[in-house]
Amino acid sequence: MKKSTKLLLTVGAAVATPLIINHVVSKRAQARVEPRECEEVFNWEYGDIRYVTAGDVENPPMLMVHGIYPGAAALEYKEVMENFAKNYRVYAIDLLGFGYSDKPNVTYSTYLYVRLIKDFVEGIIGKPVAAVASLHSAAALATCAKLNPEWFTNLVLISPTGTTDFVEMPTDAETSAKKVFSSPIFGTSFYHALTSMRGLAGYFRVEGLREEPEGEDLDELYLSAHAVSTGGKYPIAALLAKHFNVDIKKTLDELETPHHIITGSIEPNPTSFGTWRGLGTNTATSLVDDARLLPHVDKPEEFYDLCKELLKI
């Protein structure tokens, strides 16, 4: 066999193998996806947005927005939704590119989600809301409330990004990582590795939670990462390239809507907590003991009790 033929066969196998694996991973995950209870659809300009509801429709509305990380979805709030639903009509959305919402190849950024939040509140809820959001989405929520104060009554910002002394710019390696993740075949393979059961458990061992997810919780994250299509790689690529890094210190200082920052007490959060406490008298801050960046996941009852006091439920 000629060398050129062997080379073509080798290259063909190198491309075909991950392509087949990607197809199998996606198909198997999608086959296990089932409609969620009380799930509805918002037909947004950039794709269908799935959301789940809880609580009496006569209750005042509350919007819940999950953070931006592999496997993220409305399920982030599953342990606290029913408690809040006693007093609110709760709407928990899957952001574009996450969970069971559409995952198109678009430019993902903080301002895309600012627009989504505003359009969802205006188009689906139709009246001012109390809103809860975590991590990079908390920065998007604060920005949205600053631009559209008439649509928000109160904000709970869980471990928000964008409050340090500088907005970190992407390194060359991170920019390259975005390009790799965005590639049709190998980018999908990298994404599947990151969002495998082992990959997700490892991610949360380092980031976000006091204990790494396991069992049903880990399976839900896995299905969320792989539902609908492989397009979940696009917002994660944008996350790696720091497209969600925005400075919200001035936003919080000028925000008219009452707002409160909540985070966990486990390191490195005390350092971040000191930064948040230094934002000024306009921004109040609270710690949930024995929790990390997502205290509503680590300590749902303690988080809810704190919110009851803050929101005067």
Protein backbone atom coordinates (compact mmCIF):
# COMPACT_ATOMS: atom_id res chain seq x y z
CA MET A 1 0.00 0.00 0.00
CA LYS A 2 1.33 3.41 -0.93
CA LYS A 3 2.37 5.76 1.85
CA SER A 4 -0.11 8.36 0.67
CA THR A 5 -2.95 5.83 0.88
CA LYS A 6 -1.90 4.77 4.39
CA LEU A 7 -1.78 8.41 5.42
CA LEU A 8 -5.27 9.04 4.10
CA LEU A 9 -6.60 5.98 5.90
CA THR A 10 -4.93 7.05 9.14
CA VAL A 11 -6.30 10.56 8.90
CA GLY A 12 -9.73 9.22 7.95
CA ALA A 13 -9.78 6.92 10.97
CA ALA A 14 -8.60 9.75 13.25
CA VAL A 15 -11.51 11.89 12.11
CA ALA A 16 -14.17 9.17 11.82
CA THR A 17 -13.56 7.64 15.26
CA PRO A 18 -14.35 10.76 17.34
CA LEU A 19 -17.19 11.59 14.94
CA ILE A 20 -18.81 8.21 15.61
CA ILE A 21 -18.19 8.45 19.36
CA ASN A 22 -19.69 11.96 19.46
CA HIS A 23 -22.78 10.72 17.64
CA VAL A 24 -23.23 7.77 19.99
CA VAL A 25 -22.76 9.88 23.15
CA SER A 26 -25.34 12.43 21.97
CA LYS A 27 -27.88 9.84 20.85
CA ARG A 28 -27.66 7.82 24.07
CA ALA A 29 -28.04 10.91 26.23
CA GLN A 30 -30.92 12.28 24.20
CA ALA A 31 -32.75 8.94 24.39
CA ARG A 32 -32.82 9.27 28.19
CA VAL A 33 -34.19 12.80 28.27
CA GLU A 34 -37.77 13.04 29.53
CA PRO A 35 -40.06 16.09 29.71
CA ARG A 36 -39.87 17.76 33.09
CA GLU A 37 -42.95 18.40 35.20
CA CYS A 38 -44.40 21.90 34.68
CA GLU A 39 -42.03 22.60 31.79
CA GLU A 40 -42.94 25.28 29.24
CA VAL A 41 -41.31 26.95 26.25
CA PHE A 42 -40.49 30.59 25.47
CA ASN A 43 -39.99 31.02 21.73
CA TRP A 44 -37.13 33.50 21.81
CA GLU A 45 -35.44 35.16 18.86
CA TYR A 46 -32.33 32.97 19.11
CA GLY A 47 -34.01 29.69 20.03
CA ASP A 48 -36.54 27.98 22.28
CA ILE A 49 -35.99 28.60 25.97
CA ARG A 50 -37.25 25.89 28.31
CA TYR A 51 -38.34 26.78 31.81
CA VAL A 52 -40.10 25.15 34.74
CA THR A 53 -42.63 26.73 37.06
CA ALA A 54 -43.87 26.21 40.60
CA GLY A 55 -46.31 27.98 42.88
CA ASP A 56 -49.72 29.59 42.54
CA VAL A 57 -50.14 31.83 39.50
CA GLU A 58 -51.67 34.46 41.81
CA ASN A 59 -48.46 34.73 43.82
CA PRO A 60 -45.95 37.49 43.01
CA PRO A 61 -43.40 36.25 40.44
CA MET A 62 -39.82 35.18 41.07
CA LEU A 63 -37.25 34.44 38.36
CA MET A 64 -34.36 32.01 38.98
CA VAL A 65 -31.32 32.01 36.68
CA HIS A 66 -28.65 29.33 36.94
CA GLY A 67 -24.92 29.99 36.69
CA ILE A 68 -22.71 29.38 33.66
CA TYR A 69 -20.73 26.14 33.94
CA PRO A 70 -20.75 22.63 32.41
CA GLY A 71 -24.09 20.89 32.98
CA ALA A 72 -25.85 24.03 34.24
CA ALA A 73 -29.65 24.24 34.06
CA ALA A 74 -32.72 25.21 36.07
CA LEU A 75 -32.10 22.06 38.13
CA GLU A 76 -29.59 24.15 40.09
CA TYR A 77 -32.58 25.44 42.11
CA LYS A 78 -34.44 22.16 42.56
CA GLU A 79 -33.78 22.02 46.31
CA VAL A 80 -35.19 25.49 47.00
CA MET A 81 -37.92 25.96 44.38
CA GLU A 82 -40.71 24.36 46.39
CA ASN A 83 -39.95 26.48 49.44
CA PHE A 84 -40.02 29.69 47.43
CA ALA A 85 -43.17 28.48 45.65
CA LYS A 86 -45.08 28.78 48.93
CA ASN A 87 -45.04 32.55 48.46
CA TYR A 88 -44.04 33.12 44.82
CA ARG A 89 -44.88 31.98 41.32
CA VAL A 90 -41.40 30.68 40.48
CA TYR A 91 -39.95 30.61 36.96
CA ALA A 92 -36.61 28.78 36.63
CA ILE A 93 -35.12 28.96 33.13
CA ASP A 94 -32.53 27.04 31.17
CA LEU A 95 -30.42 29.74 29.54
CA LEU A 96 -29.78 29.55 25.81
CA GLY A 97 -27.03 26.97 25.28
CA PHE A 98 -27.80 25.09 28.50
CA GLY A 99 -30.08 22.39 29.83
CA TYR A 100 -33.08 21.62 27.63
CA SER A 101 -33.10 24.94 25.81
CA ASP A 102 -31.82 25.29 22.26
CA LYS A 103 -28.03 25.39 21.87
CA PRO A 104 -27.28 27.32 18.68
CA ASN A 105 -23.85 28.42 17.48
CA VAL A 106 -24.16 32.12 18.32
CA THR A 107 -21.93 34.63 20.09
CA TYR A 108 -22.45 33.95 23.79
CA SER A 109 -21.79 36.85 26.14
CA THR A 110 -23.12 38.55 29.25
CA TYR A 111 -25.17 40.90 27.12
CA LEU A 112 -26.88 38.06 25.26
CA TYR A 113 -28.18 36.86 28.62
CA VAL A 114 -29.04 40.40 29.73
CA ARG A 115 -31.31 40.56 26.71
CA LEU A 116 -32.76 37.10 27.35
CA ILE A 117 -33.60 37.93 30.97
CA LYS A 118 -35.30 41.16 29.98
CA ASP A 119 -37.26 39.57 27.11
CA PHE A 120 -38.34 36.65 29.31
CA VAL A 121 -39.58 38.87 32.13
CA GLU A 122 -41.38 41.17 29.71
CA GLY A 123 -42.75 38.48 27.37
CA ILE A 124 -43.59 35.59 29.72
CA ILE A 125 -44.00 37.01 33.23
CA GLY A 126 -45.32 40.42 32.22
CA LYS A 127 -44.82 42.21 35.54
CA PRO A 128 -41.95 43.19 37.87
CA VAL A 129 -40.21 40.26 39.54
CA ALA A 130 -37.96 39.32 42.40
CA ALA A 131 -34.99 37.53 40.84
CA VAL A 132 -32.23 35.16 41.94
CA ALA A 133 -29.11 34.37 39.89
CA SER A 134 -25.67 32.86 40.49
CA LEU A 135 -22.07 33.41 39.34
CA HIS A 136 -21.74 35.00 35.87
CA SER A 137 -25.53 35.05 35.50
CA ALA A 138 -25.75 37.16 38.66
CA ALA A 139 -23.62 39.75 36.87
CA ALA A 140 -25.98 39.56 33.89
CA LEU A 141 -29.02 39.95 36.16
CA ALA A 142 -27.54 42.98 37.94
CA THR A 143 -26.76 44.57 34.58
CA CYS A 144 -30.27 43.84 33.32
CA ALA A 145 -31.83 45.38 36.43
CA LYS A 146 -29.63 48.46 36.11
CA LEU A 147 -30.80 48.96 32.50
CA ASN A 148 -34.45 48.02 33.19
CA PRO A 149 -35.24 48.91 36.83
CA GLU A 150 -38.98 48.95 36.20
CA TRP A 151 -39.00 45.15 35.77
CA PHE A 152 -37.35 44.15 39.07
CA THR A 153 -38.45 44.44 42.71
CA ASN A 154 -35.57 42.68 44.48
CA LEU A 155 -32.39 40.80 43.57
CA VAL A 156 -30.49 37.98 45.26
CA LEU A 157 -27.02 37.69 43.70
CA ILE A 158 -25.27 34.43 44.55
CA SER A 159 -21.46 34.69 44.42
CA PRO A 160 -21.54 37.17 41.51
CA THR A 161 -18.57 37.61 39.21
CA GLY A 162 -17.31 40.98 37.99
CA THR A 163 -16.62 42.62 41.35
CA THR A 164 -12.81 42.34 41.58
CA ASP A 165 -10.48 45.27 40.98
CA PHE A 166 -9.91 44.32 37.35
CA VAL A 167 -11.66 42.39 34.61
CA GLU A 168 -9.37 39.54 33.64
CA MET A 169 -8.72 39.27 29.92
CA PRO A 170 -8.28 35.90 28.16
CA THR A 171 -4.77 34.53 27.70
CA ASP A 172 -3.59 33.24 24.34
CA ALA A 173 -4.09 29.68 25.63
CA GLU A 174 -7.68 30.43 26.62
CA THR A 175 -8.41 32.02 23.26
CA SER A 176 -6.98 28.93 21.60
CA ALA A 177 -9.08 26.72 23.85
CA LYS A 178 -12.21 28.49 22.63
CA LYS A 179 -11.25 27.80 19.02
CA VAL A 180 -10.65 24.12 19.81
CA PHE A 181 -13.97 23.80 21.66
CA SER A 182 -15.79 25.47 18.77
CA SER A 183 -14.41 23.07 16.15
CA PRO A 184 -16.99 20.65 14.69
CA ILE A 185 -15.44 17.28 15.60
CA PHE A 186 -12.58 17.57 18.07
CA GLY A 187 -14.26 20.43 19.92
CA THR A 188 -17.25 18.19 20.51
CA SER A 189 -14.93 15.41 21.71
CA PHE A 190 -13.28 17.75 24.23
CA TYR A 191 -16.71 18.90 25.39
CA HIS A 192 -17.87 15.31 25.85
CA ALA A 193 -14.75 14.60 27.91
CA LEU A 194 -15.34 17.65 30.10
CA THR A 195 -19.02 16.74 30.57
CA SER A 196 -18.56 13.02 31.10
CA MET A 197 -19.59 11.72 34.51
CA ARG A 198 -15.97 11.74 35.63
CA GLY A 199 -15.31 15.14 34.06
CA LEU A 200 -18.28 16.79 35.76
CA ALA A 201 -17.48 15.26 39.14
CA GLY A 202 -13.90 16.49 38.82
CA TYR A 203 -15.02 19.97 37.82
CA PHE A 204 -17.21 20.38 40.89
CA ARG A 205 -14.51 18.91 43.11
CA VAL A 206 -12.52 22.03 42.27
CA GLU A 207 -15.28 24.57 41.64
CA GLY A 208 -18.56 25.52 43.19
CA LEU A 209 -19.72 22.85 45.60
CA ARG A 210 -18.75 21.63 49.04
CA GLU A 211 -19.01 18.01 47.88
CA GLU A 212 -18.76 16.66 44.35
CA PRO A 213 -22.12 15.59 42.87
CA GLU A 214 -22.93 11.91 42.63
CA GLY A 215 -25.82 9.58 41.86
CA GLU A 216 -28.97 11.27 40.59
CA ASP A 217 -27.48 14.77 40.91
CA LEU A 218 -24.51 13.86 38.72
CA ASP A 219 -26.76 12.14 36.19
CA GLU A 220 -28.95 15.26 35.94
CA LEU A 221 -25.90 17.41 35.23
CA TYR A 222 -24.78 14.93 32.58
CA LEU A 223 -28.15 14.90 30.80
CA SER A 224 -28.37 18.67 30.99
CA ALA A 225 -24.97 18.98 29.31
CA HIS A 226 -25.93 16.62 26.48
CA ALA A 227 -29.64 17.32 25.95
CA VAL A 228 -30.92 18.72 22.64
CA SER A 229 -27.57 18.82 20.80
CA THR A 230 -23.81 19.12 21.18
CA GLY A 231 -24.19 22.91 21.08
CA GLY A 232 -23.59 23.15 24.82
CA LYS A 233 -19.92 23.45 23.92
CA TYR A 234 -20.42 26.97 22.55
CA PRO A 235 -21.21 28.83 25.81
CA ILE A 236 -18.51 26.80 27.59
CA ALA A 237 -16.04 27.91 24.90
CA ALA A 238 -17.15 31.49 25.55
CA LEU A 239 -16.67 30.93 29.29
CA LEU A 240 -13.10 29.71 28.71
CA ALA A 241 -12.43 32.79 26.57
CA LYS A 242 -13.81 35.03 29.37
CA HIS A 243 -16.64 36.43 27.26
CA PHE A 244 -18.73 36.63 30.43
CA ASN A 245 -16.21 38.74 32.34
CA VAL A 246 -17.73 42.17 32.94
CA ASP A 247 -17.09 44.72 35.66
CA ILE A 248 -20.27 45.30 37.69
CA LYS A 249 -18.88 47.31 40.61
CA LYS A 250 -20.28 50.57 39.24
CA THR A 251 -23.48 48.78 38.22
CA LEU A 252 -24.06 47.62 41.79
CA ASP A 253 -23.20 51.04 43.18
CA GLU A 254 -25.82 52.69 40.95
CA LEU A 255 -28.42 49.92 41.07
CA GLU A 256 -31.82 51.22 42.14
CA THR A 257 -33.32 47.78 42.79
CA PRO A 258 -32.80 46.45 46.34
CA HIS A 259 -30.18 43.72 46.13
CA HIS A 260 -28.20 41.39 48.36
CA ILE A 261 -25.12 39.23 47.75
CA ILE A 262 -25.05 35.75 49.29
CA THR A 263 -22.13 33.32 49.21
CA GLY A 264 -20.70 30.43 51.22
CA SER A 265 -18.18 30.58 54.04
CA ILE A 266 -15.70 27.97 52.79
CA GLU A 267 -12.42 29.22 51.30
CA PRO A 268 -11.70 31.04 49.08
CA ASN A 269 -15.00 32.80 49.62
CA PRO A 270 -14.00 34.86 52.68
CA THR A 271 -11.54 36.70 50.43
CA SER A 272 -14.25 37.33 47.86
CA PHE A 273 -16.67 38.18 50.66
CA GLY A 274 -14.31 40.93 51.79
CA THR A 275 -14.37 42.34 48.27
CA TRP A 276 -18.18 42.26 48.16
CA ARG A 277 -18.47 43.89 51.59
CA GLY A 278 -16.26 46.69 50.31
CA LEU A 279 -18.59 47.56 47.44
CA GLY A 280 -20.40 50.17 49.52
CA THR A 281 -23.50 50.60 51.63
CA ASN A 282 -25.74 50.07 48.60
CA THR A 283 -24.81 46.37 48.45
CA ALA A 284 -25.50 44.18 51.48
CA THR A 285 -23.74 40.82 51.89
CA SER A 286 -24.32 37.58 53.81
CA LEU A 287 -22.54 34.26 54.33
CA VAL A 288 -24.04 30.78 54.51
CA ASP A 289 -21.91 28.62 56.81
CA ASP A 290 -20.32 25.43 55.52
CA ALA A 291 -21.08 26.19 51.86
CA ARG A 292 -19.06 27.28 48.84
CA LEU A 293 -19.98 29.27 45.73
CA LEU A 294 -23.45 27.74 45.38
CA PRO A 295 -24.90 27.86 48.92
CA HIS A 296 -28.44 27.14 47.69
CA VAL A 297 -27.13 23.76 46.49
CA ASP A 298 -24.85 23.01 49.45
CA LYS A 299 -27.19 24.28 52.18
CA PRO A 300 -30.67 24.81 50.70
CA GLU A 301 -32.57 25.20 53.98
CA GLU A 302 -30.09 27.71 55.40
CA PHE A 303 -30.13 29.62 52.11
CA TYR A 304 -33.92 29.75 52.06
CA ASP A 305 -34.12 30.88 55.69
CA LEU A 306 -31.72 33.72 54.91
CA CYS A 307 -33.74 34.75 51.85
CA LYS A 308 -36.96 34.68 53.88
CA GLU A 309 -35.47 37.29 56.15
CA LEU A 310 -34.05 39.39 53.30
CA LEU A 311 -37.20 39.29 51.17
CA LYS A 312 -39.53 39.52 54.17
CA ILE A 313 -41.44 36.41 53.11
